[in-house]
Amino acid sequence: MIVQIFKLRPYGDDMIMRVIEFLYRWFFAIMAFASLVLMALAAGGFTPQGSWKHSTTAYFLMALFFTLAFFAEKLLDRALRRSRATTPAEKAELLLARTPEIVVWRTQRLSLDDAFQILRQGDDVLAQYPNSYFRETAAERDLEFRKWFEFAYTSDAELWYYDSGKESWELMGGECGFALFSRDKLLDVWVLLEN
């Protein structure tokens, strides 16, 4: 069963994955804060004298750079998400092109409760696929998935889990997620992880 696979923890426990995700999401903010702390230490004379490390201006510029980088990264991410949006016709064409591979990759038909159980074990999934691209927290993933499901679901739809397989993950081309089918027609795909 898919859920049992997700219980494997070859790359560390739950707390380690939470720390990694936190550092990933807030790296520039942490560096900006650290630069401000160093600026205060330099102003108080707690750093070596006669070097750039003693310069409060240098640390101020570092703090400013990381603050701007933090907001730029967030704005860029939003812009990229908007640029990836497709028209209904483009989306239909993409789904038609993806149908054969998703059919091959699908592994288990799920209830909605099963899907949320998989989502709530997101940290275990990240531990299984350490090279995956991730941004959302577990709560954000749950909310986005619910919106997607309610929008795409039809009365005769079937919810499936799919995974491109171990070899594709090792080759940095892995993908797994959820797919809605109606009489073997692919209605929509929600990508959980990819690398």
N, C-alpha and C. Protein backbone atom coordinates (compact mmCIF):
# COMPACT_ATOMS: atom_id res chain seq x y z
N MET A 1 0.84 -1.19 0.00
CA MET A 1 0.00 0.00 0.00
C MET A 1 0.88 1.25 0.00
N ILE A 2 0.43 2.31 -0.69
CA ILE A 2 1.22 3.53 -0.84
C ILE A 2 1.57 4.14 0.50
N VAL A 3 0.61 4.19 1.41
CA VAL A 3 0.84 4.81 2.71
C VAL A 3 1.96 4.11 3.46
N GLN A 4 2.05 2.80 3.33
CA GLN A 4 3.11 2.05 4.00
C GLN A 4 4.47 2.41 3.43
N ILE A 5 4.54 2.66 2.13
CA ILE A 5 5.81 3.07 1.52
C ILE A 5 6.27 4.39 2.12
N PHE A 6 5.32 5.31 2.36
CA PHE A 6 5.66 6.62 2.87
C PHE A 6 6.19 6.58 4.30
N LYS A 7 6.01 5.45 5.00
CA LYS A 7 6.47 5.36 6.38
C LYS A 7 7.97 5.10 6.47
N LEU A 8 8.60 4.83 5.32
CA LEU A 8 10.05 4.63 5.32
C LEU A 8 10.74 5.96 5.60
N ARG A 9 11.79 5.92 6.41
CA ARG A 9 12.51 7.14 6.76
C ARG A 9 14.01 6.95 6.56
N PRO A 10 14.45 6.74 5.30
CA PRO A 10 15.88 6.46 5.12
C PRO A 10 16.77 7.68 5.30
N TYR A 11 16.20 8.90 5.31
CA TYR A 11 17.04 10.09 5.36
C TYR A 11 16.80 10.95 6.59
N GLY A 12 16.30 10.38 7.68
CA GLY A 12 16.16 11.16 8.90
C GLY A 12 14.75 11.20 9.41
N ASP A 13 14.61 11.72 10.61
CA ASP A 13 13.30 11.73 11.23
C ASP A 13 12.52 12.99 10.90
N ASP A 14 11.32 13.07 11.47
CA ASP A 14 10.38 14.14 11.17
C ASP A 14 10.95 15.51 11.53
N MET A 15 11.58 15.63 12.68
CA MET A 15 12.10 16.92 13.12
C MET A 15 13.19 17.46 12.19
N ILE A 16 14.06 16.59 11.71
CA ILE A 16 15.12 17.01 10.80
C ILE A 16 14.53 17.58 9.52
N MET A 17 13.50 16.91 8.97
CA MET A 17 12.88 17.39 7.74
C MET A 17 12.18 18.72 7.96
N ARG A 18 11.59 18.92 9.14
CA ARG A 18 10.94 20.20 9.44
C ARG A 18 11.97 21.33 9.51
N VAL A 19 13.13 21.04 10.11
CA VAL A 19 14.19 22.04 10.20
C VAL A 19 14.71 22.39 8.81
N ILE A 20 14.92 21.38 7.98
CA ILE A 20 15.40 21.62 6.61
C ILE A 20 14.41 22.48 5.83
N GLU A 21 13.13 22.15 5.94
CA GLU A 21 12.11 22.92 5.23
C GLU A 21 12.06 24.37 5.72
N PHE A 22 12.19 24.55 7.04
CA PHE A 22 12.18 25.91 7.61
C PHE A 22 13.37 26.72 7.07
N LEU A 23 14.56 26.11 7.10
CA LEU A 23 15.75 26.80 6.61
C LEU A 23 15.62 27.12 5.13
N TYR A 24 15.04 26.23 4.37
CA TYR A 24 14.87 26.43 2.93
C TYR A 24 13.96 27.62 2.66
N ARG A 25 12.86 27.69 3.40
CA ARG A 25 11.86 28.73 3.16
C ARG A 25 12.31 30.10 3.66
N TRP A 26 13.13 30.14 4.72
CA TRP A 26 13.45 31.41 5.36
C TRP A 26 14.94 31.74 5.34
N PHE A 27 15.70 31.17 4.41
CA PHE A 27 17.16 31.35 4.38
C PHE A 27 17.56 32.82 4.34
N PHE A 28 17.01 33.59 3.39
CA PHE A 28 17.40 34.99 3.24
C PHE A 28 17.00 35.82 4.45
N ALA A 29 15.85 35.52 5.04
CA ALA A 29 15.42 36.25 6.24
C ALA A 29 16.36 35.96 7.41
N ILE A 30 16.77 34.70 7.55
CA ILE A 30 17.71 34.32 8.62
C ILE A 30 19.04 35.04 8.43
N MET A 31 19.53 35.08 7.18
CA MET A 31 20.80 35.75 6.91
C MET A 31 20.70 37.26 7.17
N ALA A 32 19.56 37.87 6.84
CA ALA A 32 19.38 39.30 7.11
C ALA A 32 19.42 39.56 8.62
N PHE A 33 18.74 38.71 9.38
CA PHE A 33 18.73 38.87 10.84
C PHE A 33 20.14 38.68 11.41
N ALA A 34 20.87 37.68 10.91
CA ALA A 34 22.24 37.44 11.38
C ALA A 34 23.14 38.63 11.08
N SER A 35 22.94 39.25 9.91
CA SER A 35 23.74 40.43 9.55
C SER A 35 23.46 41.60 10.49
N LEU A 36 22.20 41.76 10.88
CA LEU A 36 21.85 42.83 11.83
C LEU A 36 22.49 42.58 13.20
N VAL A 37 22.49 41.32 13.61
CA VAL A 37 23.14 40.97 14.89
C VAL A 37 24.63 41.28 14.83
N LEU A 38 25.28 40.91 13.73
CA LEU A 38 26.71 41.18 13.56
C LEU A 38 26.99 42.68 13.50
N MET A 39 26.06 43.44 12.89
CA MET A 39 26.21 44.89 12.84
C MET A 39 26.19 45.47 14.26
N ALA A 40 25.27 44.97 15.08
CA ALA A 40 25.19 45.44 16.47
C ALA A 40 26.45 45.08 17.24
N LEU A 41 26.97 43.87 17.01
CA LEU A 41 28.22 43.46 17.68
C LEU A 41 29.39 44.33 17.24
N ALA A 42 29.44 44.63 15.94
CA ALA A 42 30.52 45.47 15.42
C ALA A 42 30.44 46.87 16.02
N ALA A 43 29.23 47.40 16.14
CA ALA A 43 29.05 48.74 16.71
C ALA A 43 29.47 48.76 18.18
N GLY A 44 29.30 47.63 18.86
CA GLY A 44 29.69 47.55 20.27
C GLY A 44 31.15 47.19 20.47
N GLY A 45 31.89 46.97 19.38
CA GLY A 45 33.31 46.67 19.48
C GLY A 45 33.63 45.24 19.82
N PHE A 46 32.70 44.32 19.51
CA PHE A 46 32.92 42.91 19.85
C PHE A 46 33.52 42.10 18.70
N THR A 47 33.88 42.77 17.61
CA THR A 47 34.52 42.09 16.48
C THR A 47 35.94 42.61 16.34
N PRO A 48 36.83 41.87 15.64
CA PRO A 48 38.23 42.30 15.52
C PRO A 48 38.37 43.72 14.98
N GLN A 49 39.23 44.51 15.58
CA GLN A 49 39.44 45.89 15.15
C GLN A 49 40.27 45.92 13.87
N GLY A 50 40.08 46.98 13.11
CA GLY A 50 40.94 47.22 11.94
C GLY A 50 40.66 46.33 10.75
N SER A 51 39.50 45.77 10.65
CA SER A 51 39.17 44.95 9.48
C SER A 51 37.74 45.27 9.05
N TRP A 52 37.37 44.77 7.87
CA TRP A 52 36.01 45.01 7.38
C TRP A 52 34.98 44.39 8.32
N LYS A 53 35.39 43.36 9.08
CA LYS A 53 34.47 42.71 10.00
C LYS A 53 34.03 43.64 11.14
N HIS A 54 34.76 44.71 11.31
CA HIS A 54 34.41 45.67 12.35
C HIS A 54 33.48 46.76 11.80
N SER A 55 33.28 46.77 10.52
CA SER A 55 32.51 47.83 9.87
C SER A 55 31.01 47.60 10.01
N THR A 56 30.34 48.49 10.71
CA THR A 56 28.87 48.37 10.82
C THR A 56 28.23 48.59 9.45
N THR A 57 28.86 49.42 8.62
CA THR A 57 28.32 49.68 7.28
C THR A 57 28.29 48.40 6.45
N ALA A 58 29.35 47.59 6.54
CA ALA A 58 29.40 46.34 5.78
C ALA A 58 28.27 45.41 6.19
N TYR A 59 28.05 45.29 7.48
CA TYR A 59 26.97 44.41 7.94
C TYR A 59 25.60 44.97 7.60
N PHE A 60 25.47 46.30 7.63
CA PHE A 60 24.21 46.91 7.23
C PHE A 60 23.91 46.60 5.77
N LEU A 61 24.93 46.73 4.92
CA LEU A 61 24.74 46.42 3.50
C LEU A 61 24.39 44.95 3.29
N MET A 62 25.02 44.07 4.08
CA MET A 62 24.68 42.64 4.00
C MET A 62 23.23 42.41 4.39
N ALA A 63 22.81 43.05 5.48
CA ALA A 63 21.43 42.89 5.93
C ALA A 63 20.45 43.41 4.88
N LEU A 64 20.79 44.56 4.28
CA LEU A 64 19.93 45.12 3.23
C LEU A 64 19.86 44.19 2.03
N PHE A 65 21.01 43.65 1.63
CA PHE A 65 21.03 42.72 0.49
C PHE A 65 20.15 41.50 0.74
N PHE A 66 20.31 40.86 1.90
CA PHE A 66 19.53 39.65 2.17
C PHE A 66 18.04 39.96 2.33
N THR A 67 17.71 41.14 2.87
CA THR A 67 16.30 41.52 2.97
C THR A 67 15.69 41.69 1.60
N LEU A 68 16.40 42.40 0.71
CA LEU A 68 15.92 42.57 -0.66
C LEU A 68 15.84 41.22 -1.38
N ALA A 69 16.83 40.37 -1.16
CA ALA A 69 16.83 39.05 -1.80
C ALA A 69 15.63 38.22 -1.33
N PHE A 70 15.30 38.34 -0.04
CA PHE A 70 14.15 37.60 0.50
C PHE A 70 12.86 38.00 -0.21
N PHE A 71 12.62 39.32 -0.30
CA PHE A 71 11.38 39.78 -0.93
C PHE A 71 11.40 39.54 -2.45
N ALA A 72 12.56 39.66 -3.06
CA ALA A 72 12.67 39.40 -4.50
C ALA A 72 12.36 37.95 -4.80
N GLU A 73 12.87 37.05 -3.95
CA GLU A 73 12.60 35.62 -4.16
C GLU A 73 11.12 35.31 -4.05
N LYS A 74 10.44 35.92 -3.07
CA LYS A 74 9.01 35.69 -2.89
C LYS A 74 8.21 36.23 -4.07
N LEU A 75 8.58 37.45 -4.53
CA LEU A 75 7.88 38.05 -5.67
C LEU A 75 8.13 37.26 -6.95
N LEU A 76 9.37 36.80 -7.13
CA LEU A 76 9.70 36.01 -8.31
C LEU A 76 8.92 34.71 -8.33
N ASP A 77 8.80 34.08 -7.16
CA ASP A 77 8.06 32.84 -7.08
C ASP A 77 6.60 33.05 -7.48
N ARG A 78 5.99 34.14 -7.00
CA ARG A 78 4.61 34.44 -7.38
C ARG A 78 4.48 34.69 -8.87
N ALA A 79 5.44 35.44 -9.42
CA ALA A 79 5.41 35.74 -10.85
C ALA A 79 5.53 34.46 -11.68
N LEU A 80 6.42 33.56 -11.25
CA LEU A 80 6.58 32.29 -11.97
C LEU A 80 5.33 31.45 -11.90
N ARG A 81 4.67 31.46 -10.74
CA ARG A 81 3.42 30.70 -10.61
C ARG A 81 2.36 31.26 -11.56
N ARG A 82 2.27 32.60 -11.65
CA ARG A 82 1.30 33.22 -12.56
C ARG A 82 1.65 32.91 -14.01
N SER A 83 2.95 32.94 -14.34
CA SER A 83 3.35 32.71 -15.73
C SER A 83 3.11 31.28 -16.17
N ARG A 84 3.04 30.36 -15.19
CA ARG A 84 2.78 28.97 -15.53
C ARG A 84 1.29 28.68 -15.73
N ALA A 85 0.44 29.67 -15.41
CA ALA A 85 -1.00 29.47 -15.58
C ALA A 85 -1.33 29.28 -17.06
N THR A 86 -2.26 28.40 -17.35
CA THR A 86 -2.62 28.10 -18.73
C THR A 86 -4.09 28.40 -18.98
N THR A 87 -4.43 28.61 -20.23
CA THR A 87 -5.82 28.80 -20.61
C THR A 87 -6.51 27.43 -20.58
N PRO A 88 -7.85 27.40 -20.53
CA PRO A 88 -8.55 26.10 -20.54
C PRO A 88 -8.18 25.23 -21.74
N ALA A 89 -8.03 25.85 -22.92
CA ALA A 89 -7.67 25.07 -24.12
C ALA A 89 -6.27 24.48 -24.00
N GLU A 90 -5.32 25.28 -23.48
CA GLU A 90 -3.96 24.79 -23.30
C GLU A 90 -3.93 23.67 -22.26
N LYS A 91 -4.70 23.84 -21.19
CA LYS A 91 -4.74 22.82 -20.15
C LYS A 91 -5.31 21.51 -20.70
N ALA A 92 -6.37 21.59 -21.48
CA ALA A 92 -6.97 20.39 -22.07
C ALA A 92 -5.96 19.67 -22.97
N GLU A 93 -5.19 20.46 -23.72
CA GLU A 93 -4.18 19.87 -24.61
C GLU A 93 -3.08 19.19 -23.80
N LEU A 94 -2.64 19.84 -22.71
CA LEU A 94 -1.60 19.26 -21.86
C LEU A 94 -2.09 17.97 -21.20
N LEU A 95 -3.34 17.97 -20.72
CA LEU A 95 -3.88 16.77 -20.08
C LEU A 95 -3.99 15.62 -21.07
N LEU A 96 -4.40 15.93 -22.30
CA LEU A 96 -4.49 14.89 -23.32
C LEU A 96 -3.12 14.30 -23.61
N ALA A 97 -2.10 15.14 -23.66
CA ALA A 97 -0.74 14.67 -23.92
C ALA A 97 -0.19 13.85 -22.76
N ARG A 98 -0.60 14.16 -21.54
CA ARG A 98 -0.08 13.47 -20.36
C ARG A 98 -0.84 12.20 -20.02
N THR A 99 -2.00 11.99 -20.60
CA THR A 99 -2.85 10.85 -20.24
C THR A 99 -2.12 9.51 -20.31
N PRO A 100 -1.41 9.18 -21.42
CA PRO A 100 -0.76 7.86 -21.50
C PRO A 100 0.22 7.59 -20.36
N GLU A 101 1.08 8.58 -20.02
CA GLU A 101 2.06 8.33 -18.98
C GLU A 101 1.41 8.24 -17.60
N ILE A 102 0.40 9.05 -17.33
CA ILE A 102 -0.28 8.99 -16.04
C ILE A 102 -1.00 7.66 -15.87
N VAL A 103 -1.58 7.15 -16.96
CA VAL A 103 -2.25 5.84 -16.91
C VAL A 103 -1.25 4.76 -16.53
N VAL A 104 -0.06 4.80 -17.11
CA VAL A 104 0.99 3.82 -16.81
C VAL A 104 1.48 3.97 -15.37
N TRP A 105 1.58 5.21 -14.89
CA TRP A 105 2.15 5.48 -13.57
C TRP A 105 1.16 5.26 -12.43
N ARG A 106 -0.12 5.27 -12.70
CA ARG A 106 -1.07 5.19 -11.57
C ARG A 106 -0.95 3.83 -10.88
N THR A 107 -0.98 3.89 -9.56
CA THR A 107 -0.70 2.70 -8.77
C THR A 107 -1.84 2.28 -7.86
N GLN A 108 -2.66 3.23 -7.44
CA GLN A 108 -3.70 2.87 -6.48
C GLN A 108 -4.87 3.85 -6.55
N ARG A 109 -6.07 3.29 -6.59
CA ARG A 109 -7.26 4.13 -6.51
C ARG A 109 -7.49 4.51 -5.05
N LEU A 110 -7.82 5.77 -4.81
CA LEU A 110 -7.91 6.30 -3.45
C LEU A 110 -9.28 6.87 -3.15
N SER A 111 -9.62 6.85 -1.87
CA SER A 111 -10.71 7.68 -1.39
C SER A 111 -10.12 9.05 -1.04
N LEU A 112 -10.97 10.02 -0.81
CA LEU A 112 -10.47 11.34 -0.43
C LEU A 112 -9.72 11.28 0.90
N ASP A 113 -10.21 10.47 1.83
CA ASP A 113 -9.53 10.31 3.12
C ASP A 113 -8.13 9.72 2.94
N ASP A 114 -8.00 8.75 2.03
CA ASP A 114 -6.68 8.17 1.75
C ASP A 114 -5.73 9.24 1.23
N ALA A 115 -6.23 10.10 0.35
CA ALA A 115 -5.39 11.14 -0.23
C ALA A 115 -4.90 12.11 0.84
N PHE A 116 -5.79 12.48 1.75
CA PHE A 116 -5.37 13.40 2.81
C PHE A 116 -4.40 12.73 3.78
N GLN A 117 -4.54 11.43 3.96
CA GLN A 117 -3.58 10.71 4.80
C GLN A 117 -2.19 10.76 4.17
N ILE A 118 -2.12 10.62 2.86
CA ILE A 118 -0.85 10.72 2.15
C ILE A 118 -0.28 12.13 2.27
N LEU A 119 -1.15 13.14 2.11
CA LEU A 119 -0.70 14.52 2.21
C LEU A 119 -0.15 14.84 3.59
N ARG A 120 -0.78 14.30 4.61
CA ARG A 120 -0.36 14.60 5.98
C ARG A 120 0.95 13.91 6.33
N GLN A 121 1.38 13.00 5.48
CA GLN A 121 2.68 12.37 5.69
C GLN A 121 3.70 12.96 4.73
N GLY A 122 3.50 14.25 4.41
CA GLY A 122 4.37 14.93 3.45
C GLY A 122 5.83 14.90 3.83
N ASP A 123 6.13 14.99 5.11
CA ASP A 123 7.53 14.98 5.53
C ASP A 123 8.17 13.63 5.25
N ASP A 124 7.39 12.56 5.37
CA ASP A 124 7.91 11.23 5.05
C ASP A 124 8.18 11.12 3.55
N VAL A 125 7.31 11.74 2.75
CA VAL A 125 7.51 11.72 1.30
C VAL A 125 8.79 12.47 0.95
N LEU A 126 8.99 13.60 1.59
CA LEU A 126 10.21 14.37 1.34
C LEU A 126 11.45 13.60 1.77
N ALA A 127 11.32 12.83 2.83
CA ALA A 127 12.45 12.02 3.29
C ALA A 127 12.75 10.92 2.29
N GLN A 128 11.70 10.39 1.65
CA GLN A 128 11.90 9.33 0.67
C GLN A 128 12.52 9.89 -0.62
N TYR A 129 12.14 11.12 -0.99
CA TYR A 129 12.62 11.74 -2.22
C TYR A 129 13.35 13.04 -1.86
N PRO A 130 14.59 12.97 -1.36
CA PRO A 130 15.26 14.15 -0.81
C PRO A 130 15.60 15.21 -1.85
N ASN A 131 15.58 14.88 -3.14
CA ASN A 131 15.91 15.88 -4.15
C ASN A 131 14.68 16.59 -4.68
N SER A 132 13.52 16.34 -4.10
CA SER A 132 12.30 16.92 -4.62
C SER A 132 12.23 18.41 -4.35
N TYR A 133 11.44 19.09 -5.18
CA TYR A 133 11.25 20.53 -5.05
C TYR A 133 10.05 20.76 -4.15
N PHE A 134 10.21 21.52 -3.06
CA PHE A 134 9.07 21.75 -2.19
C PHE A 134 9.08 23.18 -1.67
N ARG A 135 7.89 23.75 -1.52
CA ARG A 135 7.76 25.09 -0.98
C ARG A 135 6.67 25.15 0.08
N GLU A 136 5.54 24.51 -0.20
CA GLU A 136 4.41 24.63 0.70
C GLU A 136 4.61 23.89 2.02
N THR A 137 4.01 24.41 3.06
CA THR A 137 3.93 23.67 4.31
C THR A 137 2.84 22.62 4.16
N ALA A 138 2.74 21.72 5.13
CA ALA A 138 1.72 20.67 5.08
C ALA A 138 0.31 21.29 5.04
N ALA A 139 0.08 22.33 5.84
CA ALA A 139 -1.24 22.97 5.88
C ALA A 139 -1.57 23.60 4.53
N GLU A 140 -0.58 24.24 3.91
CA GLU A 140 -0.79 24.85 2.59
C GLU A 140 -1.07 23.79 1.54
N ARG A 141 -0.37 22.67 1.61
CA ARG A 141 -0.62 21.58 0.66
C ARG A 141 -2.04 21.05 0.81
N ASP A 142 -2.48 20.85 2.05
CA ASP A 142 -3.84 20.37 2.29
C ASP A 142 -4.87 21.30 1.68
N LEU A 143 -4.71 22.60 1.90
CA LEU A 143 -5.67 23.58 1.41
C LEU A 143 -5.69 23.62 -0.11
N GLU A 144 -4.50 23.64 -0.73
CA GLU A 144 -4.43 23.67 -2.19
C GLU A 144 -5.02 22.41 -2.80
N PHE A 145 -4.75 21.26 -2.16
CA PHE A 145 -5.30 20.01 -2.67
C PHE A 145 -6.82 20.01 -2.59
N ARG A 146 -7.39 20.47 -1.48
CA ARG A 146 -8.84 20.50 -1.32
C ARG A 146 -9.49 21.39 -2.39
N LYS A 147 -8.89 22.56 -2.63
CA LYS A 147 -9.42 23.45 -3.67
C LYS A 147 -9.38 22.79 -5.04
N TRP A 148 -8.24 22.15 -5.33
CA TRP A 148 -8.11 21.46 -6.62
C TRP A 148 -9.16 20.37 -6.76
N PHE A 149 -9.31 19.54 -5.74
CA PHE A 149 -10.24 18.42 -5.81
C PHE A 149 -11.67 18.90 -6.00
N GLU A 150 -12.08 19.90 -5.22
CA GLU A 150 -13.46 20.40 -5.32
C GLU A 150 -13.74 21.02 -6.68
N PHE A 151 -12.71 21.64 -7.29
CA PHE A 151 -12.89 22.26 -8.60
C PHE A 151 -12.95 21.22 -9.72
N ALA A 152 -12.09 20.21 -9.64
CA ALA A 152 -11.96 19.25 -10.75
C ALA A 152 -12.89 18.05 -10.64
N TYR A 153 -13.43 17.77 -9.46
CA TYR A 153 -14.19 16.54 -9.23
C TYR A 153 -15.54 16.57 -9.97
N THR A 154 -15.90 15.44 -10.53
CA THR A 154 -17.23 15.22 -11.09
C THR A 154 -17.82 13.98 -10.43
N SER A 155 -19.12 13.78 -10.61
CA SER A 155 -19.81 12.69 -9.89
C SER A 155 -19.27 11.31 -10.25
N ASP A 156 -18.74 11.14 -11.45
CA ASP A 156 -18.24 9.82 -11.86
C ASP A 156 -16.71 9.74 -11.84
N ALA A 157 -16.07 10.69 -11.19
CA ALA A 157 -14.60 10.74 -11.20
C ALA A 157 -14.00 9.73 -10.22
N GLU A 158 -12.83 9.23 -10.58
CA GLU A 158 -12.06 8.33 -9.72
C GLU A 158 -10.74 9.02 -9.38
N LEU A 159 -10.38 8.98 -8.11
CA LEU A 159 -9.12 9.58 -7.65
C LEU A 159 -8.05 8.50 -7.58
N TRP A 160 -6.91 8.75 -8.22
CA TRP A 160 -5.80 7.80 -8.26
C TRP A 160 -4.52 8.46 -7.77
N TYR A 161 -3.67 7.64 -7.17
CA TYR A 161 -2.30 8.06 -6.87
C TYR A 161 -1.42 7.55 -7.99
N TYR A 162 -0.44 8.36 -8.41
CA TYR A 162 0.51 7.90 -9.43
C TYR A 162 1.94 8.22 -8.99
N ASP A 163 2.88 7.44 -9.51
CA ASP A 163 4.30 7.63 -9.21
C ASP A 163 5.09 7.15 -10.42
N SER A 164 6.05 7.97 -10.87
CA SER A 164 6.81 7.63 -12.08
C SER A 164 7.81 6.51 -11.86
N GLY A 165 8.04 6.12 -10.60
CA GLY A 165 8.90 4.97 -10.33
C GLY A 165 10.28 5.33 -9.81
N LYS A 166 10.89 4.37 -9.12
CA LYS A 166 12.17 4.58 -8.45
C LYS A 166 13.27 5.04 -9.40
N GLU A 167 13.33 4.44 -10.58
CA GLU A 167 14.41 4.77 -11.52
C GLU A 167 14.34 6.24 -11.94
N SER A 168 13.14 6.75 -12.18
CA SER A 168 13.00 8.14 -12.61
C SER A 168 13.44 9.10 -11.52
N TRP A 169 13.19 8.73 -10.24
CA TRP A 169 13.62 9.59 -9.14
C TRP A 169 15.14 9.61 -9.04
N GLU A 170 15.75 8.46 -9.24
CA GLU A 170 17.21 8.39 -9.18
C GLU A 170 17.86 9.20 -10.30
N LEU A 171 17.14 9.34 -11.43
CA LEU A 171 17.66 10.10 -12.57
C LEU A 171 17.20 11.55 -12.54
N MET A 172 16.70 12.01 -11.39
CA MET A 172 16.25 13.39 -11.20
C MET A 172 15.11 13.76 -12.15
N GLY A 173 14.26 12.79 -12.47
CA GLY A 173 13.10 13.08 -13.32
C GLY A 173 11.83 12.49 -12.74
N GLY A 174 11.79 12.39 -11.41
CA GLY A 174 10.65 11.75 -10.76
C GLY A 174 9.45 12.67 -10.61
N GLU A 175 8.29 12.04 -10.49
CA GLU A 175 7.05 12.79 -10.26
C GLU A 175 6.04 11.86 -9.61
N CYS A 176 5.31 12.38 -8.63
CA CYS A 176 4.21 11.63 -8.05
C CYS A 176 3.11 12.61 -7.67
N GLY A 177 1.90 12.10 -7.56
CA GLY A 177 0.79 12.99 -7.23
C GLY A 177 -0.54 12.27 -7.37
N PHE A 178 -1.57 13.06 -7.62
CA PHE A 178 -2.94 12.55 -7.70
C PHE A 178 -3.52 12.89 -9.07
N ALA A 179 -4.35 11.99 -9.57
CA ALA A 179 -4.99 12.21 -10.85
C ALA A 179 -6.47 11.85 -10.74
N LEU A 180 -7.30 12.65 -11.40
CA LEU A 180 -8.74 12.38 -11.46
C LEU A 180 -9.07 11.87 -12.85
N PHE A 181 -9.69 10.69 -12.88
CA PHE A 181 -10.11 10.09 -14.14
C PHE A 181 -11.62 9.94 -14.17
N SER A 182 -12.18 10.13 -15.34
CA SER A 182 -13.60 9.85 -15.57
C SER A 182 -13.70 8.97 -16.79
N ARG A 183 -14.00 7.66 -16.56
CA ARG A 183 -14.07 6.68 -17.65
C ARG A 183 -12.81 6.73 -18.50
N ASP A 184 -11.67 6.65 -17.83
CA ASP A 184 -10.34 6.64 -18.45
C ASP A 184 -9.97 7.94 -19.15
N LYS A 185 -10.77 8.98 -18.97
CA LYS A 185 -10.38 10.30 -19.46
C LYS A 185 -9.75 11.06 -18.29
N LEU A 186 -8.54 11.59 -18.51
CA LEU A 186 -7.84 12.32 -17.46
C LEU A 186 -8.48 13.70 -17.31
N LEU A 187 -9.07 13.96 -16.13
CA LEU A 187 -9.72 15.23 -15.87
C LEU A 187 -8.72 16.29 -15.39
N ASP A 188 -7.83 15.89 -14.52
CA ASP A 188 -6.84 16.83 -13.99
C ASP A 188 -5.79 16.08 -13.19
N VAL A 189 -4.65 16.75 -12.98
CA VAL A 189 -3.52 16.19 -12.25
C VAL A 189 -3.10 17.18 -11.16
N TRP A 190 -2.80 16.65 -9.98
CA TRP A 190 -2.26 17.47 -8.89
C TRP A 190 -0.92 16.87 -8.51
N VAL A 191 0.16 17.58 -8.83
CA VAL A 191 1.52 17.08 -8.61
C VAL A 191 1.89 17.29 -7.15
N LEU A 192 2.22 16.20 -6.48
CA LEU A 192 2.63 16.27 -5.08
C LEU A 192 4.11 16.60 -4.98
N LEU A 193 4.93 15.86 -5.72
CA LEU A 193 6.39 16.07 -5.70
C LEU A 193 6.95 15.84 -7.09
N GLU A 194 8.01 16.57 -7.40
CA GLU A 194 8.75 16.32 -8.64
C GLU A 194 10.19 16.76 -8.43
N ASN A 195 11.09 16.16 -9.20
CA ASN A 195 12.48 16.61 -9.14
C ASN A 195 13.09 16.60 -10.53
